[in-house]
Amino acid sequence: MPIDFLPIKWEKMLLKMTYAAQAGIKDALTFEFSHFMSPNSVYLAAHHLFDRYCEYHGLPARSSDFAPWKD
């Protein structure tokens, strides 16, 4: 199934999360996270997005931690 759009840029996702928090939203679902932030995505941009998200929240995980070639 061809994808007609690329993963969201980290800055745009951060902006969306910031505005949601300012509006009092504590929990949210986003297509970007489940689809484009998977460390197993074929899109390299998704790996970078996952890494920026982890850095922002102080999480030690990195997309390379989930690489299929790692034991």
PDB file of N, CA and C in Angstrom:
ATOM      1  N   MET A   1       0.844  -1.175   0.000  1.00  0.00           N
ATOM      2  CA  MET A   1       0.000   0.000   0.000  1.00  0.00           C
ATOM      3  C   MET A   1       0.886   1.234   0.000  1.00  0.00           C
ATOM      4  N   PRO A   2       0.821   2.034  -1.035  1.00  0.00           N
ATOM      5  CA  PRO A   2       1.679   3.228  -1.093  1.00  0.00           C
ATOM      6  C   PRO A   2       1.239   4.296  -0.087  1.00  0.00           C
ATOM      7  N   ILE A   3       2.222   4.969   0.478  1.00  0.00           N
ATOM      8  CA  ILE A   3       1.967   6.054   1.424  1.00  0.00           C
ATOM      9  C   ILE A   3       2.172   7.372   0.679  1.00  0.00           C
ATOM     10  N   ASP A   4       1.176   8.251   0.728  1.00  0.00           N
ATOM     11  CA  ASP A   4       1.257   9.518   0.016  1.00  0.00           C
ATOM     12  C   ASP A   4       1.764  10.660   0.874  1.00  0.00           C
ATOM     13  N   PHE A   5       2.157  10.377   2.101  1.00  0.00           N
ATOM     14  CA  PHE A   5       2.673  11.424   2.970  1.00  0.00           C
ATOM     15  C   PHE A   5       3.769  10.840   3.846  1.00  0.00           C
ATOM     16  N   LEU A   6       4.680  11.675   4.259  1.00  0.00           N
ATOM     17  CA  LEU A   6       5.831  11.248   5.048  1.00  0.00           C
ATOM     18  C   LEU A   6       5.589  11.478   6.534  1.00  0.00           C
ATOM     19  N   PRO A   7       6.430  10.927   7.385  1.00  0.00           N
ATOM     20  CA  PRO A   7       6.291  11.175   8.826  1.00  0.00           C
ATOM     21  C   PRO A   7       6.339  12.666   9.146  1.00  0.00           C
ATOM     22  N   ILE A   8       5.613  13.051  10.165  1.00  0.00           N
ATOM     23  CA  ILE A   8       5.579  14.441  10.607  1.00  0.00           C
ATOM     24  C   ILE A   8       6.966  14.857  11.109  1.00  0.00           C
ATOM     25  N   LYS A   9       7.294  16.114  10.934  1.00  0.00           N
ATOM     26  CA  LYS A   9       8.555  16.624  11.490  1.00  0.00           C
ATOM     27  C   LYS A   9       8.403  16.747  13.000  1.00  0.00           C
ATOM     28  N   TRP A  10       9.487  16.495  13.715  1.00  0.00           N
ATOM     29  CA  TRP A  10       9.457  16.536  15.177  1.00  0.00           C
ATOM     30  C   TRP A  10       8.957  17.886  15.671  1.00  0.00           C
ATOM     31  N   GLU A  11       9.413  18.961  15.076  1.00  0.00           N
ATOM     32  CA  GLU A  11       9.008  20.298  15.542  1.00  0.00           C
ATOM     33  C   GLU A  11       7.493  20.482  15.457  1.00  0.00           C
ATOM     34  N   LYS A  12       6.892  19.954  14.399  1.00  0.00           N
ATOM     35  CA  LYS A  12       5.443  20.092  14.247  1.00  0.00           C
ATOM     36  C   LYS A  12       4.707  19.230  15.268  1.00  0.00           C
ATOM     37  N   MET A  13       5.206  18.044  15.512  1.00  0.00           N
ATOM     38  CA  MET A  13       4.560  17.187  16.505  1.00  0.00           C
ATOM     39  C   MET A  13       4.685  17.790  17.902  1.00  0.00           C
ATOM     40  N   LEU A  14       5.863  18.334  18.217  1.00  0.00           N
ATOM     41  CA  LEU A  14       6.071  18.982  19.507  1.00  0.00           C
ATOM     42  C   LEU A  14       5.118  20.163  19.667  1.00  0.00           C
ATOM     43  N   LEU A  15       4.937  20.926  18.616  1.00  0.00           N
ATOM     44  CA  LEU A  15       3.999  22.052  18.654  1.00  0.00           C
ATOM     45  C   LEU A  15       2.581  21.567  18.954  1.00  0.00           C
ATOM     46  N   LYS A  16       2.175  20.494  18.295  1.00  0.00           N
ATOM     47  CA  LYS A  16       0.845  19.939  18.543  1.00  0.00           C
ATOM     48  C   LYS A  16       0.709  19.453  19.990  1.00  0.00           C
ATOM     49  N   MET A  17       1.733  18.790  20.497  1.00  0.00           N
ATOM     50  CA  MET A  17       1.687  18.300  21.878  1.00  0.00           C
ATOM     51  C   MET A  17       1.654  19.459  22.864  1.00  0.00           C
ATOM     52  N   THR A  18       2.386  20.517  22.578  1.00  0.00           N
ATOM     53  CA  THR A  18       2.423  21.693  23.453  1.00  0.00           C
ATOM     54  C   THR A  18       1.057  22.365  23.509  1.00  0.00           C
ATOM     55  N   TYR A  19       0.439  22.566  22.352  1.00  0.00           N
ATOM     56  CA  TYR A  19      -0.886  23.190  22.325  1.00  0.00           C
ATOM     57  C   TYR A  19      -1.925  22.321  23.018  1.00  0.00           C
ATOM     58  N   ALA A  20      -1.840  21.021  22.834  1.00  0.00           N
ATOM     59  CA  ALA A  20      -2.786  20.111  23.498  1.00  0.00           C
ATOM     60  C   ALA A  20      -2.628  20.205  25.012  1.00  0.00           C
ATOM     61  N   ALA A  21      -1.390  20.243  25.494  1.00  0.00           N
ATOM     62  CA  ALA A  21      -1.144  20.344  26.935  1.00  0.00           C
ATOM     63  C   ALA A  21      -1.677  21.668  27.481  1.00  0.00           C
ATOM     64  N   GLN A  22      -1.498  22.747  26.722  1.00  0.00           N
ATOM     65  CA  GLN A  22      -2.002  24.048  27.154  1.00  0.00           C
ATOM     66  C   GLN A  22      -3.522  24.068  27.219  1.00  0.00           C
ATOM     67  N   ALA A  23      -4.158  23.234  26.404  1.00  0.00           N
ATOM     68  CA  ALA A  23      -5.621  23.148  26.402  1.00  0.00           C
ATOM     69  C   ALA A  23      -6.131  22.196  27.487  1.00  0.00           C
ATOM     70  N   GLY A  24      -5.212  21.612  28.256  1.00  0.00           N
ATOM     71  CA  GLY A  24      -5.607  20.734  29.349  1.00  0.00           C
ATOM     72  C   GLY A  24      -5.687  19.258  28.981  1.00  0.00           C
ATOM     73  N   ILE A  25      -5.266  18.915  27.795  1.00  0.00           N
ATOM     74  CA  ILE A  25      -5.308  17.518  27.365  1.00  0.00           C
ATOM     75  C   ILE A  25      -4.122  16.776  27.968  1.00  0.00           C
ATOM     76  N   LYS A  26      -4.411  15.674  28.631  1.00  0.00           N
ATOM     77  CA  LYS A  26      -3.360  14.902  29.283  1.00  0.00           C
ATOM     78  C   LYS A  26      -3.023  13.634  28.519  1.00  0.00           C
ATOM     79  N   ASP A  27      -3.982  13.071  27.816  1.00  0.00           N
ATOM     80  CA  ASP A  27      -3.785  11.856  27.035  1.00  0.00           C
ATOM     81  C   ASP A  27      -4.301  12.104  25.618  1.00  0.00           C
ATOM     82  N   ALA A  28      -3.596  11.561  24.658  1.00  0.00           N
ATOM     83  CA  ALA A  28      -4.029  11.743  23.277  1.00  0.00           C
ATOM     84  C   ALA A  28      -3.583  10.552  22.442  1.00  0.00           C
ATOM     85  N   LEU A  29      -4.290  10.322  21.381  1.00  0.00           N
ATOM     86  CA  LEU A  29      -3.905   9.325  20.398  1.00  0.00           C
ATOM     87  C   LEU A  29      -3.506  10.064  19.140  1.00  0.00           C
ATOM     88  N   THR A  30      -2.460   9.600  18.509  1.00  0.00           N
ATOM     89  CA  THR A  30      -2.036  10.234  17.274  1.00  0.00           C
ATOM     90  C   THR A  30      -1.624   9.183  16.266  1.00  0.00           C
ATOM     91  N   PHE A  31      -1.996   9.381  15.044  1.00  0.00           N
ATOM     92  CA  PHE A  31      -1.623   8.471  13.970  1.00  0.00           C
ATOM     93  C   PHE A  31      -0.109   8.440  13.827  1.00  0.00           C
ATOM     94  N   GLU A  32       0.541   9.576  14.041  1.00  0.00           N
ATOM     95  CA  GLU A  32       1.994   9.642  13.888  1.00  0.00           C
ATOM     96  C   GLU A  32       2.705   8.661  14.809  1.00  0.00           C
ATOM     97  N   PHE A  33       2.248   8.542  16.049  1.00  0.00           N
ATOM     98  CA  PHE A  33       2.971   7.683  16.981  1.00  0.00           C
ATOM     99  C   PHE A  33       2.861   6.219  16.590  1.00  0.00           C
ATOM    100  N   SER A  34       1.662   5.750  16.382  1.00  0.00           N
ATOM    101  CA  SER A  34       1.492   4.322  16.110  1.00  0.00           C
ATOM    102  C   SER A  34       2.034   3.928  14.744  1.00  0.00           C
ATOM    103  N   HIS A  35       1.981   4.823  13.799  1.00  0.00           N
ATOM    104  CA  HIS A  35       2.378   4.475  12.445  1.00  0.00           C
ATOM    105  C   HIS A  35       3.792   4.920  12.101  1.00  0.00           C
ATOM    106  N   PHE A  36       4.127   6.146  12.435  1.00  0.00           N
ATOM    107  CA  PHE A  36       5.399   6.708  11.993  1.00  0.00           C
ATOM    108  C   PHE A  36       6.453   6.812  13.080  1.00  0.00           C
ATOM    109  N   MET A  37       6.121   6.486  14.304  1.00  0.00           N
ATOM    110  CA  MET A  37       7.151   6.541  15.335  1.00  0.00           C
ATOM    111  C   MET A  37       7.622   5.155  15.728  1.00  0.00           C
ATOM    112  N   SER A  38       7.185   4.165  14.989  1.00  0.00           N
ATOM    113  CA  SER A  38       7.638   2.812  15.281  1.00  0.00           C
ATOM    114  C   SER A  38       9.128   2.707  14.968  1.00  0.00           C
ATOM    115  N   PRO A  39       9.918   2.207  15.903  1.00  0.00           N
ATOM    116  CA  PRO A  39      11.347   2.034  15.624  1.00  0.00           C
ATOM    117  C   PRO A  39      11.582   0.942  14.577  1.00  0.00           C
ATOM    118  N   ASN A  40      10.528   0.221  14.207  1.00  0.00           N
ATOM    119  CA  ASN A  40      10.648  -0.819  13.190  1.00  0.00           C
ATOM    120  C   ASN A  40      10.170  -0.359  11.818  1.00  0.00           C
ATOM    121  N   SER A  41       9.841   0.921  11.684  1.00  0.00           N
ATOM    122  CA  SER A  41       9.350   1.452  10.422  1.00  0.00           C
ATOM    123  C   SER A  41      10.413   1.371   9.331  1.00  0.00           C
ATOM    124  N   VAL A  42       9.965   1.221   8.105  1.00  0.00           N
ATOM    125  CA  VAL A  42      10.896   1.222   6.974  1.00  0.00           C
ATOM    126  C   VAL A  42      11.371   2.643   6.662  1.00  0.00           C
ATOM    127  N   TYR A  43      10.700   3.641   7.229  1.00  0.00           N
ATOM    128  CA  TYR A  43      11.068   5.037   6.977  1.00  0.00           C
ATOM    129  C   TYR A  43      12.133   5.494   7.971  1.00  0.00           C
ATOM    130  N   LEU A  44      13.282   5.910   7.480  1.00  0.00           N
ATOM    131  CA  LEU A  44      14.345   6.410   8.341  1.00  0.00           C
ATOM    132  C   LEU A  44      13.881   7.622   9.143  1.00  0.00           C
ATOM    133  N   ALA A  45      13.031   8.452   8.532  1.00  0.00           N
ATOM    134  CA  ALA A  45      12.509   9.627   9.231  1.00  0.00           C
ATOM    135  C   ALA A  45      11.723   9.219  10.477  1.00  0.00           C
ATOM    136  N   ALA A  46      11.067   8.064  10.442  1.00  0.00           N
ATOM    137  CA  ALA A  46      10.328   7.586  11.611  1.00  0.00           C
ATOM    138  C   ALA A  46      11.281   7.251  12.747  1.00  0.00           C
ATOM    139  N   HIS A  47      12.439   6.713  12.421  1.00  0.00           N
ATOM    140  CA  HIS A  47      13.433   6.404  13.452  1.00  0.00           C
ATOM    141  C   HIS A  47      13.903   7.685  14.121  1.00  0.00           C
ATOM    142  N   HIS A  48      14.148   8.717  13.312  1.00  0.00           N
ATOM    143  CA  HIS A  48      14.584   9.999  13.868  1.00  0.00           C
ATOM    144  C   HIS A  48      13.489  10.622  14.730  1.00  0.00           C
ATOM    145  N   LEU A  49      12.244  10.512  14.287  1.00  0.00           N
ATOM    146  CA  LEU A  49      11.127  11.052  15.058  1.00  0.00           C
ATOM    147  C   LEU A  49      11.012  10.338  16.402  1.00  0.00           C
ATOM    148  N   PHE A  50      11.152   9.025  16.390  1.00  0.00           N
ATOM    149  CA  PHE A  50      11.121   8.241  17.622  1.00  0.00           C
ATOM    150  C   PHE A  50      12.245   8.680  18.559  1.00  0.00           C
ATOM    151  N   ASP A  51      13.446   8.862  18.010  1.00  0.00           N
ATOM    152  CA  ASP A  51      14.597   9.279  18.824  1.00  0.00           C
ATOM    153  C   ASP A  51      14.392  10.663  19.427  1.00  0.00           C
ATOM    154  N   ARG A  52      13.863  11.616  18.662  1.00  0.00           N
ATOM    155  CA  ARG A  52      13.624  12.966  19.188  1.00  0.00           C
ATOM    156  C   ARG A  52      12.569  12.924  20.285  1.00  0.00           C
ATOM    157  N   TYR A  53      11.537  12.099  20.114  1.00  0.00           N
ATOM    158  CA  TYR A  53      10.497  11.963  21.126  1.00  0.00           C
ATOM    159  C   TYR A  53      11.090  11.427  22.420  1.00  0.00           C
ATOM    160  N   CYS A  54      11.923  10.399  22.315  1.00  0.00           N
ATOM    161  CA  CYS A  54      12.563   9.820  23.502  1.00  0.00           C
ATOM    162  C   CYS A  54      13.477  10.836  24.178  1.00  0.00           C
ATOM    163  N   GLU A  55      14.250  11.575  23.385  1.00  0.00           N
ATOM    164  CA  GLU A  55      15.135  12.601  23.955  1.00  0.00           C
ATOM    165  C   GLU A  55      14.332  13.650  24.708  1.00  0.00           C
ATOM    166  N   TYR A  56      13.235  14.105  24.116  1.00  0.00           N
ATOM    167  CA  TYR A  56      12.413  15.151  24.716  1.00  0.00           C
ATOM    168  C   TYR A  56      11.874  14.711  26.072  1.00  0.00           C
ATOM    169  N   HIS A  57      11.497  13.436  26.180  1.00  0.00           N
ATOM    170  CA  HIS A  57      10.906  12.933  27.411  1.00  0.00           C
ATOM    171  C   HIS A  57      11.929  12.254  28.324  1.00  0.00           C
ATOM    172  N   GLY A  58      13.201  12.340  27.976  1.00  0.00           N
ATOM    173  CA  GLY A  58      14.246  11.781  28.819  1.00  0.00           C
ATOM    174  C   GLY A  58      14.239  10.262  28.871  1.00  0.00           C
ATOM    175  N   LEU A  59      13.761   9.632  27.825  1.00  0.00           N
ATOM    176  CA  LEU A  59      13.712   8.172  27.762  1.00  0.00           C
ATOM    177  C   LEU A  59      15.007   7.641  27.162  1.00  0.00           C
ATOM    178  N   PRO A  60      15.557   6.576  27.708  1.00  0.00           N
ATOM    179  CA  PRO A  60      16.829   6.069  27.205  1.00  0.00           C
ATOM    180  C   PRO A  60      16.709   5.292  25.896  1.00  0.00           C
ATOM    181  N   ALA A  61      15.501   4.936  25.482  1.00  0.00           N
ATOM    182  CA  ALA A  61      15.328   4.126  24.277  1.00  0.00           C
ATOM    183  C   ALA A  61      15.748   4.891  23.028  1.00  0.00           C
ATOM    184  N   ARG A  62      16.254   4.173  22.071  1.00  0.00           N
ATOM    185  CA  ARG A  62      16.609   4.720  20.761  1.00  0.00           C
ATOM    186  C   ARG A  62      16.135   3.726  19.710  1.00  0.00           C
ATOM    187  N   SER A  63      15.865   4.202  18.521  1.00  0.00           N
ATOM    188  CA  SER A  63      15.376   3.313  17.462  1.00  0.00           C
ATOM    189  C   SER A  63      16.350   2.176  17.195  1.00  0.00           C
ATOM    190  N   SER A  64      17.640   2.439  17.346  1.00  0.00           N
ATOM    191  CA  SER A  64      18.633   1.383  17.095  1.00  0.00           C
ATOM    192  C   SER A  64      18.540   0.263  18.131  1.00  0.00           C
ATOM    193  N   ASP A  65      17.933   0.536  19.289  1.00  0.00           N
ATOM    194  CA  ASP A  65      17.745  -0.506  20.299  1.00  0.00           C
ATOM    195  C   ASP A  65      16.801  -1.594  19.815  1.00  0.00           C
ATOM    196  N   PHE A  66      15.969  -1.250  18.817  1.00  0.00           N
ATOM    197  CA  PHE A  66      14.961  -2.173  18.329  1.00  0.00           C
ATOM    198  C   PHE A  66      15.326  -2.767  16.969  1.00  0.00           C
ATOM    199  N   ALA A  67      16.545  -2.511  16.523  1.00  0.00           N
ATOM    200  CA  ALA A  67      16.975  -3.000  15.210  1.00  0.00           C
ATOM    201  C   ALA A  67      16.870  -4.518  15.161  1.00  0.00           C
ATOM    202  N   PRO A  68      16.323  -5.046  14.069  1.00  0.00           N
ATOM    203  CA  PRO A  68      16.139  -6.502  13.977  1.00  0.00           C
ATOM    204  C   PRO A  68      17.445  -7.276  13.953  1.00  0.00           C
ATOM    205  N   TRP A  69      18.544  -6.627  13.599  1.00  0.00           N
ATOM    206  CA  TRP A  69      19.829  -7.326  13.537  1.00  0.00           C
ATOM    207  C   TRP A  69      20.536  -7.384  14.887  1.00  0.00           C
ATOM    208  N   LYS A  70      19.988  -6.738  15.889  1.00  0.00           N
ATOM    209  CA  LYS A  70      20.595  -6.768  17.222  1.00  0.00           C
ATOM    210  C   LYS A  70      20.111  -7.992  17.981  1.00  0.00           C
ATOM    211  N   ASP A  71      20.970  -8.573  18.765  1.00  0.00           N
ATOM    212  CA  ASP A  71      20.592  -9.753  19.577  1.00  0.00           C
ATOM    213  C   ASP A  71      20.073  -9.335  20.923  1.00  0.00           C
TER     214      ASP A  71
END
